[in-house]
């Protein structure tokens, strides 16, 4: 629990130093409004975007590692925990007009960082800004999925 609290504090502190344009990133509560299939599509879009960014920098080893990482249950569990942390920090600071809400990209980049891969939130946000959710014929758009449960919640 202490580690999660340190992580949440780190999210809050690092958010104040980030310059990513909120219009180009996906705020956590917008992510929460997506259906499960759309969330999966956005996560896949971030994976492919991160792969492209790393390849463009010449880091093909890290680019190849990303796809394998997100096939591992432990990495996906960590990603969901970071999403929950981003949500918790954003909600805790909702009344602060100076707080910039955190985006799902923060959780994604932290998951990568934990696995030795560095992709900047700003770079990912700008590159991922062209995401288009799956069409309503593929997904029931009117029924957003519930947020994932917080660790320890049933």
N, C-alpha and C. Protein backbone atom coordinates (compact mmCIF):
# COMPACT_ATOMS: atom_id res chain seq x y z
N UNK A 1 0.82 -1.19 0.00
CA UNK A 1 0.00 0.00 0.00
C UNK A 1 0.87 1.26 0.00
N UNK A 2 2.01 1.21 0.72
CA UNK A 2 2.90 2.36 0.73
C UNK A 2 3.43 2.65 -0.66
N UNK A 3 3.73 1.57 -1.39
CA UNK A 3 4.24 1.75 -2.75
C UNK A 3 3.20 2.44 -3.63
N UNK A 4 1.93 2.05 -3.48
CA UNK A 4 0.87 2.69 -4.27
C UNK A 4 0.73 4.16 -3.88
N UNK A 5 0.81 4.47 -2.59
CA UNK A 5 0.72 5.87 -2.16
C UNK A 5 1.87 6.69 -2.71
N UNK A 6 3.09 6.11 -2.72
CA UNK A 6 4.24 6.82 -3.30
C UNK A 6 4.02 7.04 -4.79
N UNK A 7 3.48 6.02 -5.46
CA UNK A 7 3.19 6.14 -6.88
C UNK A 7 2.19 7.27 -7.13
N UNK A 8 1.13 7.29 -6.35
CA UNK A 8 0.10 8.31 -6.53
C UNK A 8 0.67 9.70 -6.29
N UNK A 9 1.50 9.83 -5.27
CA UNK A 9 2.15 11.12 -5.00
C UNK A 9 3.05 11.49 -6.17
N UNK A 10 3.77 10.50 -6.68
CA UNK A 10 4.64 10.75 -7.84
C UNK A 10 3.86 11.21 -9.05
N UNK A 11 2.69 10.59 -9.29
CA UNK A 11 1.82 11.03 -10.39
C UNK A 11 1.44 12.49 -10.23
N UNK A 12 1.02 12.83 -9.02
CA UNK A 12 0.57 14.20 -8.78
C UNK A 12 1.71 15.19 -8.98
N UNK A 13 2.88 14.86 -8.49
CA UNK A 13 4.02 15.76 -8.63
C UNK A 13 4.48 15.86 -10.07
N UNK A 14 4.56 14.72 -10.75
CA UNK A 14 5.05 14.76 -12.13
C UNK A 14 4.06 15.45 -13.04
N UNK A 15 2.79 15.39 -12.73
CA UNK A 15 1.79 16.02 -13.58
C UNK A 15 1.99 17.53 -13.65
N UNK A 16 2.46 18.09 -12.57
CA UNK A 16 2.65 19.54 -12.57
C UNK A 16 3.81 19.98 -13.46
N UNK A 17 4.68 19.05 -13.81
CA UNK A 17 5.83 19.39 -14.65
C UNK A 17 5.63 19.02 -16.11
N UNK A 18 4.54 18.35 -16.42
CA UNK A 18 4.32 17.90 -17.79
C UNK A 18 3.72 19.02 -18.63
N UNK A 19 4.09 19.00 -19.89
CA UNK A 19 3.59 20.05 -20.79
C UNK A 19 2.70 19.48 -21.88
N UNK A 20 2.28 18.25 -21.75
CA UNK A 20 1.44 17.65 -22.78
C UNK A 20 0.14 18.43 -22.91
N UNK A 21 -0.29 18.62 -24.12
CA UNK A 21 -1.52 19.35 -24.40
C UNK A 21 -2.70 18.44 -24.09
N UNK A 22 -3.55 18.84 -23.17
CA UNK A 22 -4.67 18.00 -22.75
C UNK A 22 -5.60 17.67 -23.90
N UNK A 23 -5.67 18.52 -24.91
CA UNK A 23 -6.55 18.25 -26.05
C UNK A 23 -6.02 17.10 -26.89
N UNK A 24 -4.75 16.79 -26.76
CA UNK A 24 -4.16 15.73 -27.55
C UNK A 24 -4.08 14.40 -26.80
N UNK A 25 -4.26 14.42 -25.51
CA UNK A 25 -4.22 13.21 -24.70
C UNK A 25 -5.64 12.86 -24.28
N UNK A 26 -5.80 11.66 -23.71
CA UNK A 26 -7.14 11.24 -23.29
C UNK A 26 -7.23 11.29 -21.77
N UNK A 27 -7.96 12.27 -21.24
CA UNK A 27 -8.16 12.32 -19.79
C UNK A 27 -8.78 11.01 -19.30
N UNK A 28 -8.43 10.64 -18.09
CA UNK A 28 -8.85 9.35 -17.56
C UNK A 28 -10.37 9.18 -17.56
N UNK A 29 -11.10 10.26 -17.29
CA UNK A 29 -12.57 10.11 -17.25
C UNK A 29 -13.17 9.97 -18.65
N UNK A 30 -12.48 10.46 -19.68
CA UNK A 30 -12.91 10.18 -21.06
C UNK A 30 -12.66 8.71 -21.38
N UNK A 31 -11.53 8.20 -20.93
CA UNK A 31 -11.21 6.78 -21.12
C UNK A 31 -12.27 5.92 -20.44
N UNK A 32 -12.71 6.34 -19.25
CA UNK A 32 -13.73 5.59 -18.51
C UNK A 32 -15.06 5.54 -19.26
N UNK A 33 -15.33 6.51 -20.12
CA UNK A 33 -16.59 6.54 -20.86
C UNK A 33 -16.58 5.62 -22.08
N UNK A 34 -15.42 5.10 -22.44
CA UNK A 34 -15.32 4.18 -23.57
C UNK A 34 -15.83 2.80 -23.17
N UNK A 35 -16.30 2.06 -24.15
CA UNK A 35 -16.65 0.67 -23.89
C UNK A 35 -15.38 -0.14 -23.71
N UNK A 36 -15.52 -1.34 -23.23
CA UNK A 36 -14.35 -2.21 -23.03
C UNK A 36 -13.59 -2.39 -24.35
N UNK A 37 -14.33 -2.61 -25.43
CA UNK A 37 -13.68 -2.82 -26.73
C UNK A 37 -12.93 -1.55 -27.17
N UNK A 38 -13.51 -0.39 -26.93
CA UNK A 38 -12.84 0.87 -27.29
C UNK A 38 -11.59 1.10 -26.43
N UNK A 39 -11.68 0.75 -25.14
CA UNK A 39 -10.50 0.87 -24.28
C UNK A 39 -9.37 -0.01 -24.79
N UNK A 40 -9.73 -1.23 -25.18
CA UNK A 40 -8.74 -2.14 -25.74
C UNK A 40 -8.14 -1.59 -27.02
N UNK A 41 -9.00 -1.00 -27.86
CA UNK A 41 -8.52 -0.42 -29.12
C UNK A 41 -7.59 0.76 -28.85
N UNK A 42 -7.91 1.57 -27.84
CA UNK A 42 -7.05 2.71 -27.53
C UNK A 42 -5.71 2.24 -26.97
N UNK A 43 -5.75 1.22 -26.12
CA UNK A 43 -4.51 0.66 -25.58
C UNK A 43 -3.66 0.09 -26.71
N UNK A 44 -4.27 -0.62 -27.65
CA UNK A 44 -3.52 -1.13 -28.79
C UNK A 44 -2.95 0.01 -29.63
N UNK A 45 -3.71 1.09 -29.76
CA UNK A 45 -3.23 2.26 -30.51
C UNK A 45 -2.00 2.86 -29.81
N UNK A 46 -2.04 2.94 -28.48
CA UNK A 46 -0.88 3.46 -27.75
C UNK A 46 0.32 2.53 -27.91
N UNK A 47 0.08 1.21 -27.88
CA UNK A 47 1.17 0.25 -28.07
C UNK A 47 1.82 0.47 -29.43
N UNK A 48 1.00 0.53 -30.48
CA UNK A 48 1.54 0.71 -31.83
C UNK A 48 2.23 2.06 -31.98
N UNK A 49 1.67 3.09 -31.35
CA UNK A 49 2.28 4.42 -31.39
C UNK A 49 3.64 4.40 -30.71
N UNK A 50 3.72 3.76 -29.54
CA UNK A 50 4.99 3.67 -28.83
C UNK A 50 6.02 2.89 -29.64
N UNK A 51 5.58 1.82 -30.29
CA UNK A 51 6.47 1.04 -31.15
C UNK A 51 7.02 1.92 -32.26
N UNK A 52 6.13 2.67 -32.91
CA UNK A 52 6.56 3.57 -34.00
C UNK A 52 7.53 4.63 -33.51
N UNK A 53 7.25 5.22 -32.34
CA UNK A 53 8.14 6.24 -31.79
C UNK A 53 9.53 5.67 -31.51
N UNK A 54 9.58 4.49 -30.92
CA UNK A 54 10.87 3.88 -30.60
C UNK A 54 11.64 3.48 -31.86
N UNK A 55 10.92 2.95 -32.85
CA UNK A 55 11.58 2.60 -34.12
C UNK A 55 12.15 3.84 -34.78
N UNK A 56 11.41 4.94 -34.72
CA UNK A 56 11.87 6.19 -35.32
C UNK A 56 13.15 6.69 -34.64
N UNK A 57 13.31 6.37 -33.35
CA UNK A 57 14.52 6.76 -32.62
C UNK A 57 15.64 5.74 -32.81
N UNK A 58 15.34 4.64 -33.51
CA UNK A 58 16.35 3.62 -33.73
C UNK A 58 16.42 2.57 -32.64
N UNK A 59 15.49 2.57 -31.70
CA UNK A 59 15.49 1.60 -30.60
C UNK A 59 14.56 0.43 -30.94
N UNK A 60 14.98 -0.38 -31.90
CA UNK A 60 14.13 -1.48 -32.36
C UNK A 60 13.96 -2.57 -31.31
N UNK A 61 14.97 -2.77 -30.45
CA UNK A 61 14.85 -3.79 -29.40
C UNK A 61 13.72 -3.46 -28.44
N UNK A 62 13.66 -2.21 -28.00
CA UNK A 62 12.58 -1.79 -27.09
C UNK A 62 11.24 -1.84 -27.81
N UNK A 63 11.22 -1.46 -29.07
CA UNK A 63 9.98 -1.48 -29.85
C UNK A 63 9.42 -2.90 -29.93
N UNK A 64 10.27 -3.86 -30.17
CA UNK A 64 9.82 -5.26 -30.25
C UNK A 64 9.38 -5.78 -28.89
N UNK A 65 10.00 -5.30 -27.83
CA UNK A 65 9.68 -5.75 -26.48
C UNK A 65 8.28 -5.31 -26.04
N UNK A 66 7.82 -4.16 -26.52
CA UNK A 66 6.53 -3.63 -26.07
C UNK A 66 5.38 -4.58 -26.35
N UNK A 67 5.30 -5.09 -27.57
CA UNK A 67 4.18 -5.99 -27.91
C UNK A 67 4.18 -7.21 -27.00
N UNK A 68 5.35 -7.76 -26.74
CA UNK A 68 5.44 -8.93 -25.87
C UNK A 68 5.03 -8.60 -24.43
N UNK A 69 5.39 -7.41 -23.98
CA UNK A 69 5.06 -7.01 -22.62
C UNK A 69 3.56 -7.06 -22.35
N UNK A 70 2.79 -6.50 -23.26
CA UNK A 70 1.35 -6.39 -23.01
C UNK A 70 0.59 -7.69 -23.26
N UNK A 71 1.34 -8.73 -23.64
CA UNK A 71 0.75 -10.07 -23.69
C UNK A 71 0.85 -10.77 -22.34
N UNK A 72 1.61 -10.19 -21.42
CA UNK A 72 1.81 -10.77 -20.10
C UNK A 72 0.74 -10.28 -19.13
N UNK A 73 0.12 -11.20 -18.41
CA UNK A 73 -0.93 -10.84 -17.46
C UNK A 73 -0.42 -9.89 -16.39
N UNK A 74 0.80 -10.10 -15.90
CA UNK A 74 1.33 -9.24 -14.84
C UNK A 74 1.49 -7.80 -15.32
N UNK A 75 1.86 -7.60 -16.57
CA UNK A 75 2.01 -6.25 -17.11
C UNK A 75 0.63 -5.60 -17.28
N UNK A 76 -0.33 -6.36 -17.76
CA UNK A 76 -1.69 -5.81 -17.90
C UNK A 76 -2.27 -5.47 -16.53
N UNK A 77 -2.01 -6.30 -15.53
CA UNK A 77 -2.47 -6.01 -14.17
C UNK A 77 -1.85 -4.72 -13.66
N UNK A 78 -0.57 -4.56 -13.90
CA UNK A 78 0.13 -3.33 -13.49
C UNK A 78 -0.46 -2.12 -14.20
N UNK A 79 -0.73 -2.25 -15.49
CA UNK A 79 -1.32 -1.16 -16.28
C UNK A 79 -2.67 -0.75 -15.69
N UNK A 80 -3.52 -1.73 -15.37
CA UNK A 80 -4.83 -1.44 -14.79
C UNK A 80 -4.67 -0.76 -13.42
N UNK A 81 -3.69 -1.21 -12.64
CA UNK A 81 -3.45 -0.57 -11.34
C UNK A 81 -3.01 0.88 -11.52
N UNK A 82 -2.19 1.14 -12.52
CA UNK A 82 -1.79 2.53 -12.79
C UNK A 82 -2.97 3.36 -13.27
N UNK A 83 -3.83 2.78 -14.08
CA UNK A 83 -5.04 3.49 -14.52
C UNK A 83 -5.87 3.86 -13.29
N UNK A 84 -6.02 2.91 -12.38
CA UNK A 84 -6.77 3.19 -11.15
C UNK A 84 -6.09 4.28 -10.32
N UNK A 85 -4.77 4.28 -10.30
CA UNK A 85 -4.03 5.32 -9.58
C UNK A 85 -4.22 6.69 -10.21
N UNK A 86 -4.18 6.74 -11.54
CA UNK A 86 -4.42 8.00 -12.25
C UNK A 86 -5.81 8.52 -11.93
N UNK A 87 -6.78 7.63 -11.93
CA UNK A 87 -8.16 8.01 -11.61
C UNK A 87 -8.26 8.55 -10.18
N UNK A 88 -7.60 7.87 -9.26
CA UNK A 88 -7.67 8.26 -7.84
C UNK A 88 -7.05 9.64 -7.63
N UNK A 89 -5.89 9.88 -8.23
CA UNK A 89 -5.22 11.18 -8.09
C UNK A 89 -6.07 12.28 -8.73
N UNK A 90 -6.60 12.00 -9.91
CA UNK A 90 -7.42 12.99 -10.61
C UNK A 90 -8.66 13.33 -9.78
N UNK A 91 -9.30 12.32 -9.23
CA UNK A 91 -10.49 12.56 -8.40
C UNK A 91 -10.15 13.31 -7.12
N UNK A 92 -9.01 12.98 -6.53
CA UNK A 92 -8.61 13.63 -5.28
C UNK A 92 -8.33 15.12 -5.47
N UNK A 93 -7.98 15.52 -6.68
CA UNK A 93 -7.65 16.92 -6.95
C UNK A 93 -8.72 17.62 -7.80
N UNK A 94 -9.88 17.01 -7.92
CA UNK A 94 -10.93 17.55 -8.79
C UNK A 94 -11.34 18.97 -8.42
N UNK A 95 -11.30 19.30 -7.16
CA UNK A 95 -11.73 20.63 -6.71
C UNK A 95 -10.65 21.70 -6.92
N UNK A 96 -9.45 21.29 -7.24
CA UNK A 96 -8.34 22.23 -7.42
C UNK A 96 -8.34 22.76 -8.86
N UNK A 97 -8.66 24.03 -9.06
CA UNK A 97 -8.74 24.57 -10.42
C UNK A 97 -7.37 24.62 -11.12
N UNK A 98 -6.29 24.51 -10.36
CA UNK A 98 -4.95 24.54 -10.95
C UNK A 98 -4.40 23.16 -11.29
N UNK A 99 -5.12 22.12 -10.90
CA UNK A 99 -4.66 20.75 -11.16
C UNK A 99 -5.03 20.34 -12.57
N UNK A 100 -4.06 19.89 -13.32
CA UNK A 100 -4.29 19.38 -14.67
C UNK A 100 -4.61 17.89 -14.56
N UNK A 101 -5.82 17.47 -14.93
CA UNK A 101 -6.18 16.06 -14.80
C UNK A 101 -5.18 15.17 -15.55
N UNK A 102 -4.92 14.02 -14.97
CA UNK A 102 -4.00 13.07 -15.59
C UNK A 102 -4.70 12.30 -16.70
N UNK A 103 -3.90 11.82 -17.62
CA UNK A 103 -4.43 11.08 -18.77
C UNK A 103 -4.04 9.61 -18.68
N UNK A 104 -4.73 8.80 -19.45
CA UNK A 104 -4.43 7.37 -19.50
C UNK A 104 -3.01 7.13 -19.99
N UNK A 105 -2.47 8.06 -20.77
CA UNK A 105 -1.09 7.93 -21.25
C UNK A 105 -0.08 7.89 -20.10
N UNK A 106 -0.40 8.57 -18.99
CA UNK A 106 0.49 8.52 -17.82
C UNK A 106 0.61 7.08 -17.31
N UNK A 107 -0.52 6.38 -17.22
CA UNK A 107 -0.51 4.99 -16.75
C UNK A 107 0.26 4.10 -17.73
N UNK A 108 0.06 4.33 -19.00
CA UNK A 108 0.73 3.52 -20.03
C UNK A 108 2.24 3.73 -19.97
N UNK A 109 2.67 4.98 -19.92
CA UNK A 109 4.11 5.28 -19.90
C UNK A 109 4.77 4.78 -18.62
N UNK A 110 4.07 4.84 -17.49
CA UNK A 110 4.63 4.31 -16.25
C UNK A 110 4.78 2.80 -16.33
N UNK A 111 3.82 2.13 -16.95
CA UNK A 111 3.91 0.68 -17.13
C UNK A 111 5.14 0.34 -17.97
N UNK A 112 5.35 1.10 -19.05
CA UNK A 112 6.54 0.87 -19.87
C UNK A 112 7.81 1.13 -19.07
N UNK A 113 7.83 2.23 -18.32
CA UNK A 113 9.01 2.59 -17.54
C UNK A 113 9.37 1.49 -16.54
N UNK A 114 8.37 0.91 -15.91
CA UNK A 114 8.61 -0.18 -14.96
C UNK A 114 9.30 -1.37 -15.63
N UNK A 115 9.15 -1.45 -16.94
CA UNK A 115 9.73 -2.56 -17.70
C UNK A 115 10.93 -2.12 -18.54
N UNK A 116 11.51 -1.00 -18.15
CA UNK A 116 12.76 -0.55 -18.76
C UNK A 116 12.63 0.16 -20.09
N UNK A 117 11.43 0.61 -20.44
CA UNK A 117 11.22 1.30 -21.71
C UNK A 117 10.72 2.71 -21.42
N UNK A 118 11.41 3.68 -21.98
CA UNK A 118 11.04 5.08 -21.74
C UNK A 118 10.42 5.66 -23.01
N UNK A 119 9.18 6.08 -22.87
CA UNK A 119 8.47 6.81 -23.92
C UNK A 119 7.84 8.00 -23.21
N UNK A 120 8.10 9.20 -23.68
CA UNK A 120 7.56 10.39 -23.05
C UNK A 120 6.06 10.51 -23.21
N UNK A 121 5.40 10.95 -22.15
CA UNK A 121 3.95 11.13 -22.18
C UNK A 121 3.57 12.11 -23.28
N UNK A 122 4.31 13.21 -23.39
CA UNK A 122 3.99 14.22 -24.41
C UNK A 122 4.13 13.64 -25.81
N UNK A 123 5.22 12.94 -26.08
CA UNK A 123 5.42 12.34 -27.41
C UNK A 123 4.31 11.35 -27.73
N UNK A 124 3.97 10.51 -26.76
CA UNK A 124 2.92 9.52 -26.97
C UNK A 124 1.58 10.21 -27.20
N UNK A 125 1.29 11.23 -26.40
CA UNK A 125 0.01 11.94 -26.52
C UNK A 125 -0.15 12.58 -27.89
N UNK A 126 0.90 13.24 -28.36
CA UNK A 126 0.84 13.90 -29.67
C UNK A 126 0.67 12.86 -30.77
N UNK A 127 1.46 11.80 -30.69
CA UNK A 127 1.41 10.78 -31.74
C UNK A 127 0.10 9.98 -31.70
N UNK A 128 -0.47 9.80 -30.51
CA UNK A 128 -1.69 9.00 -30.37
C UNK A 128 -2.95 9.82 -30.57
N UNK A 129 -2.80 11.12 -30.81
CA UNK A 129 -3.97 12.00 -30.90
C UNK A 129 -4.86 11.70 -32.10
N UNK A 130 -4.40 10.89 -33.04
CA UNK A 130 -5.21 10.58 -34.21
C UNK A 130 -6.07 9.34 -34.02
N UNK A 131 -6.26 8.91 -32.78
CA UNK A 131 -7.08 7.72 -32.50
C UNK A 131 -8.54 7.95 -32.86
N UNK A 132 -9.12 6.98 -33.53
CA UNK A 132 -10.54 6.99 -33.83
C UNK A 132 -11.13 5.72 -33.24
N UNK A 133 -12.09 5.85 -32.31
CA UNK A 133 -12.66 4.64 -31.70
C UNK A 133 -13.33 3.76 -32.76
N UNK A 134 -13.43 2.46 -32.48
CA UNK A 134 -14.16 1.58 -33.40
C UNK A 134 -15.58 2.10 -33.62
N UNK A 135 -16.12 1.86 -34.79
CA UNK A 135 -17.44 2.40 -35.14
C UNK A 135 -18.53 1.79 -34.28
N UNK A 136 -19.67 2.46 -34.26
CA UNK A 136 -20.79 1.99 -33.44
C UNK A 136 -21.33 0.66 -33.95
N UNK A 137 -21.05 0.31 -35.20
CA UNK A 137 -21.49 -0.99 -35.69
C UNK A 137 -20.66 -2.10 -35.06
N UNK A 138 -19.43 -1.76 -34.63
CA UNK A 138 -18.57 -2.74 -33.98
C UNK A 138 -18.78 -2.76 -32.47
N UNK A 139 -19.22 -1.64 -31.92
CA UNK A 139 -19.25 -1.48 -30.47
C UNK A 139 -20.56 -0.80 -30.07
N UNK A 140 -21.12 -1.24 -28.95
CA UNK A 140 -22.31 -0.57 -28.42
C UNK A 140 -21.86 0.73 -27.76
N UNK A 141 -21.86 1.83 -28.51
CA UNK A 141 -21.30 3.10 -28.04
C UNK A 141 -22.10 3.69 -26.88
N UNK A 142 -23.40 3.41 -26.79
CA UNK A 142 -24.20 4.05 -25.78
C UNK A 142 -24.02 3.43 -24.40
N UNK A 143 -23.31 2.33 -24.27
CA UNK A 143 -23.13 1.68 -22.98
C UNK A 143 -21.65 1.67 -22.61
N UNK A 144 -21.18 2.70 -21.90
CA UNK A 144 -19.78 2.67 -21.50
C UNK A 144 -19.53 1.56 -20.49
N UNK A 145 -18.34 1.04 -20.53
CA UNK A 145 -17.96 0.00 -19.57
C UNK A 145 -17.72 0.65 -18.22
N UNK A 146 -17.98 -0.10 -17.15
CA UNK A 146 -17.69 0.46 -15.83
C UNK A 146 -16.17 0.57 -15.65
N UNK A 147 -15.72 1.50 -14.81
CA UNK A 147 -14.27 1.58 -14.56
C UNK A 147 -13.79 0.28 -13.97
N UNK A 148 -12.53 -0.11 -14.23
CA UNK A 148 -12.02 -1.35 -13.62
C UNK A 148 -12.03 -1.21 -12.10
N UNK A 149 -12.21 -2.33 -11.39
CA UNK A 149 -12.22 -2.24 -9.93
C UNK A 149 -10.85 -1.83 -9.38
N UNK A 150 -10.89 -1.15 -8.28
CA UNK A 150 -9.65 -0.78 -7.60
C UNK A 150 -9.11 -2.04 -6.95
N UNK A 151 -7.77 -2.19 -6.87
CA UNK A 151 -7.23 -3.38 -6.21
C UNK A 151 -7.82 -3.55 -4.81
N UNK A 152 -8.27 -4.76 -4.53
CA UNK A 152 -8.87 -5.05 -3.22
C UNK A 152 -10.37 -4.86 -3.22
N UNK A 153 -10.92 -4.24 -4.29
CA UNK A 153 -12.37 -4.00 -4.38
C UNK A 153 -13.00 -5.17 -5.10
N UNK A 154 -14.19 -5.54 -4.72
CA UNK A 154 -14.89 -6.65 -5.38
C UNK A 154 -16.13 -6.16 -6.05
